Structures are given as structure tokens and as C-alpha cells.
Amino acid sequence: MSGPERRKFSPRKAAALRKRRGLSVEQAASEALRSVDWLRKVESGERTPTADELFDLLYALNCDSEDVSALAETSRAVHPA
């Protein structure tokens, strides 16, 4: 039996969105008020951003609601019967 959809942050999609915006890692990190090391770890999947960090990154990338949805990977929660 499957449950509701779950959304999970996608580091790969975050990196792709940054590149589409024409921002270097250094520029995006500066706009998000974060270190370059932090952004590299987020984009590589080594680190998952907190809610506050994610909002800063969304602001830095000038994201709209469609972009926010695009940054998540969707999966269905599976509950045992």
C-alpha cells in the first residue's frame, strides 16, 4: 500500500538551477550568505540544508514557486499492509 507523496531536496537539481541562472558557486554562495564549501557540500549531497539555509539558497537563486517544486524529488511513501 502506498502513502502520500514525499518530497526530498535534490542536490543535483539545485546545482543545475544555479548553472541555468548563470551563477558560479562563488557567486551563489555569496548571495546566499554562505561559504563556498557549504554550497559545494550541498550540491554534492554531502550536506542537506536546514530550512533557513534552503530559504537563503532559494533567495540567492531568485527562485519562484515552480523552481522550488523543481528542487524536490518526489517519491511515494510505501507503508506495509
Protein backbone atom coordinates (compact mmCIF):
# COMPACT_ATOMS: atom_id res chain seq x y z
CA MET A 1 0.00 0.00 0.00
CA SER A 2 1.42 3.41 -0.89
CA GLY A 3 1.00 6.61 1.08
CA PRO A 4 1.23 10.29 0.30
CA GLU A 5 3.88 11.79 -1.93
CA ARG A 6 7.05 12.81 -0.15
CA ARG A 7 9.37 15.49 -1.43
CA LYS A 8 13.09 15.46 -0.85
CA PHE A 9 15.68 18.13 -1.67
CA SER A 10 17.65 17.28 -4.81
CA PRO A 11 21.28 18.46 -4.76
CA ARG A 12 21.63 17.66 -8.47
CA LYS A 13 18.67 19.87 -9.34
CA ALA A 14 19.98 22.69 -7.14
CA ALA A 15 23.30 22.68 -9.00
CA ALA A 16 21.52 22.62 -12.36
CA LEU A 17 19.32 25.56 -11.37
CA ARG A 18 22.35 27.57 -10.24
CA LYS A 19 24.04 26.93 -13.57
CA ARG A 20 20.89 27.89 -15.51
CA ARG A 21 20.89 31.17 -13.59
CA GLY A 22 24.44 31.74 -14.82
CA LEU A 23 25.91 31.84 -11.32
CA SER A 24 29.22 30.39 -10.26
CA VAL A 25 29.45 28.51 -6.99
CA GLU A 26 31.24 31.53 -5.54
CA GLN A 27 28.54 33.97 -6.66
CA ALA A 28 25.65 31.83 -5.43
CA ALA A 29 27.33 31.17 -2.08
CA SER A 30 27.96 34.89 -1.61
CA GLU A 31 24.33 35.74 -2.47
CA ALA A 32 23.13 33.10 -0.01
CA LEU A 33 25.49 34.47 2.67
CA ARG A 34 27.11 31.04 2.91
CA SER A 35 30.59 29.71 2.29
CA VAL A 36 31.68 28.18 -0.99
CA ASP A 37 32.49 24.99 0.93
CA TRP A 38 28.90 24.88 2.26
CA LEU A 39 27.40 25.21 -1.23
CA ARG A 40 29.74 22.60 -2.69
CA LYS A 41 28.70 20.15 0.04
CA VAL A 42 25.01 20.91 -0.56
CA GLU A 43 25.33 20.44 -4.32
CA SER A 44 27.30 17.21 -3.90
CA GLY A 45 24.76 15.78 -1.46
CA GLU A 46 27.26 15.67 1.43
CA ARG A 47 25.10 18.11 3.36
CA THR A 48 21.35 18.68 3.46
CA PRO A 49 20.45 22.34 4.02
CA THR A 50 18.37 23.32 7.02
CA ALA A 51 15.11 25.17 6.35
CA ASP A 52 16.82 28.53 6.94
CA GLU A 53 19.74 27.62 4.69
CA LEU A 54 17.36 26.44 1.99
CA PHE A 55 15.45 29.73 2.08
CA ASP A 56 18.75 31.61 1.73
CA LEU A 57 19.70 29.46 -1.25
CA LEU A 58 16.29 29.93 -2.88
CA TYR A 59 16.64 33.69 -2.46
CA ALA A 60 20.17 33.64 -3.90
CA LEU A 61 18.96 31.72 -6.95
CA ASN A 62 15.97 34.06 -7.37
CA CYS A 63 13.57 31.11 -7.27
CA ASP A 64 9.84 31.25 -7.89
CA SER A 65 7.31 28.62 -6.84
CA GLU A 66 7.94 26.48 -9.93
CA ASP A 67 11.66 26.47 -9.18
CA VAL A 68 11.00 25.42 -5.60
CA SER A 69 8.97 22.45 -6.83
CA ALA A 70 11.71 21.60 -9.30
CA LEU A 71 14.28 21.38 -6.49
CA ALA A 72 12.46 18.46 -4.92
CA GLU A 73 12.39 14.86 -5.95
CA THR A 74 9.08 13.17 -5.39
CA SER A 75 8.56 9.65 -4.17
CA ARG A 76 5.65 7.77 -2.75
CA ALA A 77 5.85 6.62 0.82
CA VAL A 78 5.29 2.89 0.99
CA HIS A 79 3.56 1.59 4.06
CA PRO A 80 3.44 -2.13 4.76
CA ALA A 81 -0.01 -3.67 4.56
